[in-house]
PDB file of N, CA and C in Angstrom:
ATOM      1  N   MET A   1     191.433  53.898  92.472  1.00  0.00           N
ATOM      2  CA  MET A   1     191.389  52.571  93.051  1.00  0.00           C
ATOM      3  C   MET A   1     192.439  51.719  92.356  1.00  0.00           C
ATOM      4  N   ASP A   2     193.016  50.825  93.109  1.00  0.00           N
ATOM      5  CA  ASP A   2     194.020  49.887  92.615  1.00  0.00           C
ATOM      6  C   ASP A   2     193.424  49.056  91.486  1.00  0.00           C
ATOM      7  N   PRO A   3     194.016  49.103  90.282  1.00  0.00           N
ATOM      8  CA  PRO A   3     193.455  48.339  89.154  1.00  0.00           C
ATOM      9  C   PRO A   3     193.386  46.830  89.426  1.00  0.00           C
ATOM     10  N   GLU A   4     194.354  46.307  90.162  1.00  0.00           N
ATOM     11  CA  GLU A   4     194.335  44.869  90.484  1.00  0.00           C
ATOM     12  C   GLU A   4     193.136  44.542  91.371  1.00  0.00           C
ATOM     13  N   LEU A   5     192.888  45.396  92.362  1.00  0.00           N
ATOM     14  CA  LEU A   5     191.744  45.210  93.245  1.00  0.00           C
ATOM     15  C   LEU A   5     190.449  45.293  92.444  1.00  0.00           C
ATOM     16  N   TYR A   6     190.375  46.274  91.571  1.00  0.00           N
ATOM     17  CA  TYR A   6     189.181  46.433  90.736  1.00  0.00           C
ATOM     18  C   TYR A   6     188.946  45.184  89.879  1.00  0.00           C
ATOM     19  N   ASN A   7     189.985  44.676  89.247  1.00  0.00           N
ATOM     20  CA  ASN A   7     189.859  43.480  88.396  1.00  0.00           C
ATOM     21  C   ASN A   7     189.438  42.261  89.216  1.00  0.00           C
ATOM     22  N   GLN A   8     190.018  42.128  90.412  1.00  0.00           N
ATOM     23  CA  GLN A   8     189.634  41.012  91.279  1.00  0.00           C
ATOM     24  C   GLN A   8     188.159  41.117  91.670  1.00  0.00           C
ATOM     25  N   PHE A   9     187.748  42.336  91.997  1.00  0.00           N
ATOM     26  CA  PHE A   9     186.353  42.530  92.396  1.00  0.00           C
ATOM     27  C   PHE A   9     185.410  42.211  91.238  1.00  0.00           C
ATOM     28  N   VAL A  10     185.728  42.692  90.053  1.00  0.00           N
ATOM     29  CA  VAL A  10     184.877  42.425  88.887  1.00  0.00           C
ATOM     30  C   VAL A  10     184.796  40.927  88.634  1.00  0.00           C
ATOM     31  N   GLN A  11     185.920  40.240  88.766  1.00  0.00           N
ATOM     32  CA  GLN A  11     185.955  38.787  88.572  1.00  0.00           C
ATOM     33  C   GLN A  11     185.033  38.086  89.581  1.00  0.00           C
ATOM     34  N   VAL A  12     185.139  38.438  90.842  1.00  0.00           N
ATOM     35  CA  VAL A  12     184.298  37.827  91.880  1.00  0.00           C
ATOM     36  C   VAL A  12     182.842  38.213  91.655  1.00  0.00           C
ATOM     37  N   PHE A  13     182.607  39.471  91.304  1.00  0.00           N
ATOM     38  CA  PHE A  13     181.245  39.947  91.090  1.00  0.00           C
ATOM     39  C   PHE A  13     180.575  39.206  89.940  1.00  0.00           C
ATOM     40  N   ASN A  14     181.299  39.004  88.871  1.00  0.00           N
ATOM     41  CA  ASN A  14     180.727  38.341  87.687  1.00  0.00           C
ATOM     42  C   ASN A  14     180.588  36.835  87.851  1.00  0.00           C
ATOM     43  N   ASN A  15     181.472  36.224  88.606  1.00  0.00           N
ATOM     44  CA  ASN A  15     181.502  34.754  88.664  1.00  0.00           C
ATOM     45  C   ASN A  15     181.184  34.170  90.033  1.00  0.00           C
ATOM     46  N   GLY A  16     181.197  34.995  91.067  1.00  0.00           N
ATOM     47  CA  GLY A  16     181.044  34.470  92.421  1.00  0.00           C
ATOM     48  C   GLY A  16     179.600  34.467  92.886  1.00  0.00           C
ATOM     49  N   THR A  17     179.422  33.798  93.992  1.00  0.00           N
ATOM     50  CA  THR A  17     178.120  33.791  94.649  1.00  0.00           C
ATOM     51  C   THR A  17     178.000  35.060  95.489  1.00  0.00           C
ATOM     52  N   GLU A  18     176.825  35.296  96.008  1.00  0.00           N
ATOM     53  CA  GLU A  18     176.632  36.466  96.879  1.00  0.00           C
ATOM     54  C   GLU A  18     177.553  36.387  98.092  1.00  0.00           C
ATOM     55  N   GLU A  19     177.690  35.197  98.635  1.00  0.00           N
ATOM     56  CA  GLU A  19     178.562  35.005  99.796  1.00  0.00           C
ATOM     57  C   GLU A  19     180.016  35.297  99.446  1.00  0.00           C
ATOM     58  N   GLU A  20     180.451  34.868  98.273  1.00  0.00           N
ATOM     59  CA  GLU A  20     181.834  35.129  97.856  1.00  0.00           C
ATOM     60  C   GLU A  20     182.073  36.627  97.644  1.00  0.00           C
ATOM     61  N   ILE A  21     181.083  37.319  97.104  1.00  0.00           N
ATOM     62  CA  ILE A  21     181.206  38.769  96.925  1.00  0.00           C
ATOM     63  C   ILE A  21     181.319  39.454  98.282  1.00  0.00           C
ATOM     64  N   ARG A  22     180.454  39.043  99.211  1.00  0.00           N
ATOM     65  CA  ARG A  22     180.504  39.620 100.560  1.00  0.00           C
ATOM     66  C   ARG A  22     181.870  39.387 101.205  1.00  0.00           C
ATOM     67  N   ASN A  23     182.318  38.141 101.131  1.00  0.00           N
ATOM     68  CA  ASN A  23     183.606  37.806 101.728  1.00  0.00           C
ATOM     69  C   ASN A  23     184.730  38.626 101.112  1.00  0.00           C
ATOM     70  N   PHE A  24     184.688  38.811  99.806  1.00  0.00           N
ATOM     71  CA  PHE A  24     185.714  39.609  99.132  1.00  0.00           C
ATOM     72  C   PHE A  24     185.696  41.040  99.667  1.00  0.00           C
ATOM     73  N   LEU A  25     184.512  41.625  99.766  1.00  0.00           N
ATOM     74  CA  LEU A  25     184.412  43.009 100.250  1.00  0.00           C
ATOM     75  C   LEU A  25     184.906  43.124 101.688  1.00  0.00           C
ATOM     76  N   ILE A  26     184.532  42.170 102.524  1.00  0.00           N
ATOM     77  CA  ILE A  26     184.945  42.203 103.926  1.00  0.00           C
ATOM     78  C   ILE A  26     186.454  42.017 104.054  1.00  0.00           C
ATOM     79  N   GLU A  27     186.981  41.045 103.344  1.00  0.00           N
ATOM     80  CA  GLU A  27     188.413  40.748 103.443  1.00  0.00           C
ATOM     81  C   GLU A  27     189.280  41.871 102.870  1.00  0.00           C
ATOM     82  N   ASN A  28     188.756  42.616 101.923  1.00  0.00           N
ATOM     83  CA  ASN A  28     189.567  43.625 101.234  1.00  0.00           C
ATOM     84  C   ASN A  28     189.112  45.060 101.492  1.00  0.00           C
ATOM     85  N   ILE A  29     188.270  45.263 102.476  1.00  0.00           N
ATOM     86  CA  ILE A  29     187.698  46.594 102.679  1.00  0.00           C
ATOM     87  C   ILE A  29     188.769  47.668 102.862  1.00  0.00           C
ATOM     88  N   ASN A  30     189.846  47.342 103.527  1.00  0.00           N
ATOM     89  CA  ASN A  30     190.910  48.329 103.764  1.00  0.00           C
ATOM     90  C   ASN A  30     191.686  48.688 102.506  1.00  0.00           C
ATOM     91  N   ARG A  31     191.546  47.913 101.473  1.00  0.00           N
ATOM     92  CA  ARG A  31     192.253  48.199 100.211  1.00  0.00           C
ATOM     93  C   ARG A  31     191.469  49.169  99.330  1.00  0.00           C
ATOM     94  N   PHE A  32     190.185  49.382  99.647  1.00  0.00           N
ATOM     95  CA  PHE A  32     189.367  50.305  98.859  1.00  0.00           C
ATOM     96  C   PHE A  32     189.616  51.735  99.334  1.00  0.00           C
ATOM     97  N   PRO A  33     189.349  52.702  98.457  1.00  0.00           N
ATOM     98  CA  PRO A  33     189.440  54.098  98.894  1.00  0.00           C
ATOM     99  C   PRO A  33     188.453  54.356 100.042  1.00  0.00           C
ATOM    100  N   GLU A  34     188.746  55.359 100.841  1.00  0.00           N
ATOM    101  CA  GLU A  34     187.951  55.634 102.033  1.00  0.00           C
ATOM    102  C   GLU A  34     186.473  55.863 101.715  1.00  0.00           C
ATOM    103  N   ASP A  35     186.175  56.584 100.636  1.00  0.00           N
ATOM    104  CA  ASP A  35     184.766  56.834 100.301  1.00  0.00           C
ATOM    105  C   ASP A  35     184.047  55.543  99.928  1.00  0.00           C
ATOM    106  N   VAL A  36     184.757  54.630  99.277  1.00  0.00           N
ATOM    107  CA  VAL A  36     184.163  53.334  98.919  1.00  0.00           C
ATOM    108  C   VAL A  36     183.996  52.486 100.186  1.00  0.00           C
ATOM    109  N   GLN A  37     184.957  52.567 101.093  1.00  0.00           N
ATOM    110  CA  GLN A  37     184.838  51.849 102.363  1.00  0.00           C
ATOM    111  C   GLN A  37     183.570  52.273 103.095  1.00  0.00           C
ATOM    112  N   LYS A  38     183.328  53.587 103.120  1.00  0.00           N
ATOM    113  CA  LYS A  38     182.133  54.093 103.789  1.00  0.00           C
ATOM    114  C   LYS A  38     180.870  53.574 103.124  1.00  0.00           C
ATOM    115  N   GLU A  39     180.856  53.504 101.816  1.00  0.00           N
ATOM    116  CA  GLU A  39     179.690  52.984 101.094  1.00  0.00           C
ATOM    117  C   GLU A  39     179.471  51.502 101.405  1.00  0.00           C
ATOM    118  N   ILE A  40     180.550  50.747 101.449  1.00  0.00           N
ATOM    119  CA  ILE A  40     180.443  49.310 101.764  1.00  0.00           C
ATOM    120  C   ILE A  40     179.900  49.129 103.185  1.00  0.00           C
ATOM    121  N   ILE A  41     180.470  49.880 104.112  1.00  0.00           N
ATOM    122  CA  ILE A  41     180.015  49.778 105.506  1.00  0.00           C
ATOM    123  C   ILE A  41     178.550  50.186 105.603  1.00  0.00           C
ATOM    124  N   TRP A  42     178.171  51.260 104.926  1.00  0.00           N
ATOM    125  CA  TRP A  42     176.772  51.719 104.958  1.00  0.00           C
ATOM    126  C   TRP A  42     175.848  50.649 104.380  1.00  0.00           C
ATOM    127  N   PHE A  43     176.269  50.012 103.292  1.00  0.00           N
ATOM    128  CA  PHE A  43     175.462  48.942 102.692  1.00  0.00           C
ATOM    129  C   PHE A  43     175.218  47.816 103.695  1.00  0.00           C
ATOM    130  N   PHE A  44     176.281  47.362 104.354  1.00  0.00           N
ATOM    131  CA  PHE A  44     176.130  46.283 105.327  1.00  0.00           C
ATOM    132  C   PHE A  44     175.288  46.722 106.523  1.00  0.00           C
ATOM    133  N   PHE A  45     175.426  47.971 106.937  1.00  0.00           N
ATOM    134  CA  PHE A  45     174.638  48.497 108.040  1.00  0.00           C
ATOM    135  C   PHE A  45     173.156  48.529 107.678  1.00  0.00           C
ATOM    136  N   GLU A  46     172.827  49.042 106.491  1.00  0.00           N
ATOM    137  CA  GLU A  46     171.425  49.075 106.046  1.00  0.00           C
ATOM    138  C   GLU A  46     170.842  47.668 105.949  1.00  0.00           C
ATOM    139  N   GLU A  47     171.636  46.764 105.429  1.00  0.00           N
ATOM    140  CA  GLU A  47     171.174  45.376 105.309  1.00  0.00           C
ATOM    141  C   GLU A  47     170.898  44.778 106.682  1.00  0.00           C
ATOM    142  N   ALA A  48     171.770  45.050 107.636  1.00  0.00           N
ATOM    143  CA  ALA A  48     171.569  44.542 108.998  1.00  0.00           C
ATOM    144  C   ALA A  48     170.309  45.138 109.607  1.00  0.00           C
ATOM    145  N   LEU A  49     170.061  46.415 109.360  1.00  0.00           N
ATOM    146  CA  LEU A  49     168.835  47.038 109.865  1.00  0.00           C
ATOM    147  C   LEU A  49     167.599  46.398 109.251  1.00  0.00           C
ATOM    148  N   GLU A  50     167.644  46.143 107.962  1.00  0.00           N
ATOM    149  CA  GLU A  50     166.504  45.508 107.289  1.00  0.00           C
ATOM    150  C   GLU A  50     166.245  44.112 107.844  1.00  0.00           C
ATOM    151  N   LYS A  51     167.312  43.358 108.059  1.00  0.00           N
ATOM    152  CA  LYS A  51     167.149  42.011 108.609  1.00  0.00           C
ATOM    153  C   LYS A  51     166.628  42.060 110.040  1.00  0.00           C
ATOM    154  N   THR A  52     167.100  43.027 110.805  1.00  0.00           N
ATOM    155  CA  THR A  52     166.626  43.181 112.177  1.00  0.00           C
ATOM    156  C   THR A  52     165.153  43.549 112.183  1.00  0.00           C
ATOM    157  N   ALA A  53     164.762  44.461 111.311  1.00  0.00           N
ATOM    158  CA  ALA A  53     163.354  44.859 111.225  1.00  0.00           C
ATOM    159  C   ALA A  53     162.492  43.681 110.796  1.00  0.00           C
ATOM    160  N   ALA A  54     162.972  42.918 109.832  1.00  0.00           N
ATOM    161  CA  ALA A  54     162.222  41.749 109.369  1.00  0.00           C
ATOM    162  C   ALA A  54     162.077  40.740 110.505  1.00  0.00           C
ATOM    163  N   TRP A  55     163.126  40.523 111.273  1.00  0.00           N
ATOM    164  CA  TRP A  55     163.071  39.597 112.402  1.00  0.00           C
ATOM    165  C   TRP A  55     162.094  40.107 113.456  1.00  0.00           C
ATOM    166  N   TYR A  56     162.151  41.400 113.749  1.00  0.00           N
ATOM    167  CA  TYR A  56     161.227  41.985 114.714  1.00  0.00           C
ATOM    168  C   TYR A  56     159.781  41.787 114.253  1.00  0.00           C
ATOM    169  N   ASN A  57     159.516  42.036 112.984  1.00  0.00           N
ATOM    170  CA  ASN A  57     158.162  41.852 112.447  1.00  0.00           C
ATOM    171  C   ASN A  57     157.724  40.397 112.541  1.00  0.00           C
ATOM    172  N   TYR A  58     158.638  39.480 112.257  1.00  0.00           N
ATOM    173  CA  TYR A  58     158.341  38.049 112.346  1.00  0.00           C
ATOM    174  C   TYR A  58     157.978  37.674 113.786  1.00  0.00           C
ATOM    175  N   VAL A  59     158.786  38.136 114.730  1.00  0.00           N
ATOM    176  CA  VAL A  59     158.533  37.818 116.143  1.00  0.00           C
ATOM    177  C   VAL A  59     157.208  38.433 116.589  1.00  0.00           C
ATOM    178  N   ASN A  60     156.943  39.657 116.151  1.00  0.00           N
ATOM    179  CA  ASN A  60     155.694  40.317 116.506  1.00  0.00           C
ATOM    180  C   ASN A  60     154.499  39.554 115.918  1.00  0.00           C
ATOM    181  N   ASP A  61     154.601  39.137 114.671  1.00  0.00           N
ATOM    182  CA  ASP A  61     153.532  38.346 114.046  1.00  0.00           C
ATOM    183  C   ASP A  61     153.332  37.025 114.784  1.00  0.00           C
ATOM    184  N   LEU A  62     154.429  36.404 115.158  1.00  0.00           N
ATOM    185  CA  LEU A  62     154.353  35.137 115.894  1.00  0.00           C
ATOM    186  C   LEU A  62     153.665  35.344 117.244  1.00  0.00           C
ATOM    187  N   LYS A  63     153.999  36.432 117.926  1.00  0.00           N
ATOM    188  CA  LYS A  63     153.373  36.750 119.210  1.00  0.00           C
ATOM    189  C   LYS A  63     151.873  36.985 119.030  1.00  0.00           C
ATOM    190  N   ASN A  64     151.509  37.733 117.992  1.00  0.00           N
ATOM    191  CA  ASN A  64     150.085  37.981 117.732  1.00  0.00           C
ATOM    192  C   ASN A  64     149.346  36.694 117.407  1.00  0.00           C
ATOM    193  N   THR A  65     149.966  35.834 116.617  1.00  0.00           N
ATOM    194  CA  THR A  65     149.343  34.552 116.272  1.00  0.00           C
ATOM    195  C   THR A  65     149.170  33.697 117.524  1.00  0.00           C
ATOM    196  N   THR A  66     150.171  33.679 118.374  1.00  0.00           N
ATOM    197  CA  THR A  66     150.086  32.922 119.623  1.00  0.00           C
ATOM    198  C   THR A  66     148.947  33.448 120.488  1.00  0.00           C
ATOM    199  N   ASN A  67     148.847  34.767 120.601  1.00  0.00           N
ATOM    200  CA  ASN A  67     147.749  35.355 121.378  1.00  0.00           C
ATOM    201  C   ASN A  67     146.394  34.995 120.787  1.00  0.00           C
ATOM    202  N   ASP A  68     146.290  35.028 119.453  1.00  0.00           N
ATOM    203  CA  ASP A  68     145.037  34.642 118.796  1.00  0.00           C
ATOM    204  C   ASP A  68     144.696  33.185 119.087  1.00  0.00           C
ATOM    205  N   LEU A  69     145.697  32.317 119.064  1.00  0.00           N
ATOM    206  CA  LEU A  69     145.461  30.902 119.352  1.00  0.00           C
ATOM    207  C   LEU A  69     145.033  30.692 120.807  1.00  0.00           C
ATOM    208  N   ILE A  70     145.615  31.451 121.712  1.00  0.00           N
ATOM    209  CA  ILE A  70     145.224  31.350 123.127  1.00  0.00           C
ATOM    210  C   ILE A  70     143.767  31.769 123.291  1.00  0.00           C
ATOM    211  N   LYS A  71     143.378  32.864 122.638  1.00  0.00           N
ATOM    212  CA  LYS A  71     141.986  33.325 122.707  1.00  0.00           C
ATOM    213  C   LYS A  71     141.044  32.289 122.108  1.00  0.00           C
ATOM    214  N   LEU A  72     141.434  31.702 120.979  1.00  0.00           N
ATOM    215  CA  LEU A  72     140.611  30.686 120.323  1.00  0.00           C
ATOM    216  C   LEU A  72     140.469  29.463 121.218  1.00  0.00           C
ATOM    217  N   ARG A  73     141.555  29.053 121.848  1.00  0.00           N
ATOM    218  CA  ARG A  73     141.507  27.912 122.756  1.00  0.00           C
ATOM    219  C   ARG A  73     140.543  28.183 123.910  1.00  0.00           C
ATOM    220  N   LYS A  74     140.626  29.377 124.490  1.00  0.00           N
ATOM    221  CA  LYS A  74     139.727  29.739 125.591  1.00  0.00           C
ATOM    222  C   LYS A  74     138.273  29.722 125.120  1.00  0.00           C
ATOM    223  N   GLN A  75     138.035  30.249 123.927  1.00  0.00           N
ATOM    224  CA  GLN A  75     136.674  30.268 123.378  1.00  0.00           C
ATOM    225  C   GLN A  75     136.154  28.845 123.179  1.00  0.00           C
ATOM    226  N   LEU A  76     136.996  27.975 122.639  1.00  0.00           N
ATOM    227  CA  LEU A  76     136.579  26.583 122.430  1.00  0.00           C
ATOM    228  C   LEU A  76     136.330  25.868 123.758  1.00  0.00           C
ATOM    229  N   GLU A  77     137.166  26.138 124.742  1.00  0.00           N
ATOM    230  CA  GLU A  77     136.955  25.533 126.067  1.00  0.00           C
ATOM    231  C   GLU A  77     135.637  26.008 126.670  1.00  0.00           C
ATOM    232  N   ASP A  78     135.338  27.306 126.521  1.00  0.00           N
ATOM    233  CA  ASP A  78     134.080  27.842 127.035  1.00  0.00           C
ATOM    234  C   ASP A  78     132.882  27.212 126.322  1.00  0.00           C
ATOM    235  N   GLU A  79     132.991  27.062 125.023  1.00  0.00           N
ATOM    236  CA  GLU A  79     131.901  26.442 124.255  1.00  0.00           C
ATOM    237  C   GLU A  79     131.718  24.985 124.658  1.00  0.00           C
ATOM    238  N   LYS A  80     132.830  24.291 124.901  1.00  0.00           N
ATOM    239  CA  LYS A  80     132.748  22.888 125.326  1.00  0.00           C
ATOM    240  C   LYS A  80     132.040  22.793 126.679  1.00  0.00           C
ATOM    241  N   LYS A  81     132.394  23.683 127.610  1.00  0.00           N
ATOM    242  CA  LYS A  81     131.743  23.686 128.929  1.00  0.00           C
ATOM    243  C   LYS A  81     130.250  23.976 128.794  1.00  0.00           C
ATOM    244  N   ALA A  82     129.902  24.906 127.917  1.00  0.00           N
ATOM    245  CA  ALA A  82     128.490  25.245 127.716  1.00  0.00           C
ATOM    246  C   ALA A  82     127.725  24.048 127.157  1.00  0.00           C
ATOM    247  N   LEU A  83     128.326  23.329 126.204  1.00  0.00           N
ATOM    248  CA  LEU A  83     127.672  22.141 125.643  1.00  0.00           C
ATOM    249  C   LEU A  83     127.510  21.051 126.695  1.00  0.00           C
ATOM    250  N   GLU A  84     128.543  20.867 127.507  1.00  0.00           N
ATOM    251  CA  GLU A  84     128.464  19.857 128.567  1.00  0.00           C
ATOM    252  C   GLU A  84     127.372  20.217 129.575  1.00  0.00           C
ATOM    253  N   LEU A  85     127.295  21.495 129.924  1.00  0.00           N
ATOM    254  CA  LEU A  85     126.271  21.946 130.852  1.00  0.00           C
ATOM    255  C   LEU A  85     124.879  21.761 130.255  1.00  0.00           C
ATOM    256  N   GLN A  86     124.753  22.087 128.962  1.00  0.00           N
ATOM    257  CA  GLN A  86     123.464  21.917 128.288  1.00  0.00           C
ATOM    258  C   GLN A  86     123.056  20.450 128.272  1.00  0.00           C
ATOM    259  N   LYS A  87     123.995  19.538 128.040  1.00  0.00           N
ATOM    260  CA  LYS A  87     123.690  18.106 128.064  1.00  0.00           C
ATOM    261  C   LYS A  87     123.249  17.671 129.460  1.00  0.00           C
ATOM    262  N   GLU A  88     123.918  18.186 130.496  1.00  0.00           N
ATOM    263  CA  GLU A  88     123.550  17.853 131.876  1.00  0.00           C
ATOM    264  C   GLU A  88     122.134  18.345 132.182  1.00  0.00           C
ATOM    265  N   ILE A  89     121.825  19.562 131.723  1.00  0.00           N
ATOM    266  CA  ILE A  89     120.482  20.112 131.958  1.00  0.00           C
ATOM    267  C   ILE A  89     119.446  19.269 131.232  1.00  0.00           C
ATOM    268  N   GLU A  90     119.720  18.906 129.971  1.00  0.00           N
ATOM    269  CA  GLU A  90     118.781  18.069 129.204  1.00  0.00           C
ATOM    270  C   GLU A  90     118.609  16.702 129.843  1.00  0.00           C
ATOM    271  N   LYS A  91     119.714  16.160 130.323  1.00  0.00           N
ATOM    272  CA  LYS A  91     119.667  14.843 130.973  1.00  0.00           C
ATOM    273  C   LYS A  91     118.832  14.925 132.259  1.00  0.00           C
ATOM    274  N   GLY A  92     118.991  16.013 132.999  1.00  0.00           N
ATOM    275  CA  GLY A  92     118.206  16.203 134.220  1.00  0.00           C
ATOM    276  C   GLY A  92     116.742  16.430 133.934  1.00  0.00           C
ATOM    277  N   SER A  93     116.415  17.155 132.888  1.00  0.00           N
ATOM    278  CA  SER A  93     114.992  17.400 132.587  1.00  0.00           C
ATOM    279  C   SER A  93     114.352  16.112 132.053  1.00  0.00           C
ATOM    280  N   ASN A  94     115.091  15.287 131.359  1.00  0.00           N
ATOM    281  CA  ASN A  94     114.538  14.004 130.890  1.00  0.00           C
ATOM    282  C   ASN A  94     114.264  13.081 132.086  1.00  0.00           C
ATOM    283  N   THR A  95     115.106  13.135 133.079  1.00  0.00           N
ATOM    284  CA  THR A  95     114.913  12.318 134.275  1.00  0.00           C
ATOM    285  C   THR A  95     113.687  12.787 135.034  1.00  0.00           C
ATOM    286  N   ASN A  96     113.463  14.088 135.129  1.00  0.00           N
ATOM    287  CA  ASN A  96     112.295  14.643 135.833  1.00  0.00           C
ATOM    288  C   ASN A  96     111.015  14.330 135.082  1.00  0.00           C
ATOM    289  N   GLU A  97     111.069  14.310 133.757  1.00  0.00           N
ATOM    290  CA  GLU A  97     109.881  13.995 132.966  1.00  0.00           C
ATOM    291  C   GLU A  97     109.458  12.548 133.167  1.00  0.00           C
ATOM    292  N   GLU A  98     110.397  11.663 133.376  1.00  0.00           N
ATOM    293  CA  GLU A  98     110.103  10.251 133.558  1.00  0.00           C
ATOM    294  C   GLU A  98     109.414  10.010 134.902  1.00  0.00           C
ATOM    295  N   LYS A  99     109.577  10.844 135.871  1.00  0.00           N
ATOM    296  CA  LYS A  99     109.016  10.649 137.222  1.00  0.00           C
ATOM    297  C   LYS A  99     107.605  11.044 137.211  1.00  0.00           C
TER     298      LYS A  99
END
């Protein structure tokens, strides 16, 4: 590997942010030996897969939570209707008792 490239990379690695390291690797990928290029590409590919999987899991969890909330809403609406009906029945039986 080119000693200048190696020194630049070490400098960025030791002093740079994660974003600066990424940018350095992307901007200089063609200057690395082919086997190192493959490793860099594989690293970015694996990272993209992990982020995609994490996003998929997040969306799936969100969908499940939404479905749970819909079921809970339906249950609460049913309970509200039952309470209203029970009040109507009680109100009607109180009226019949008064007669």
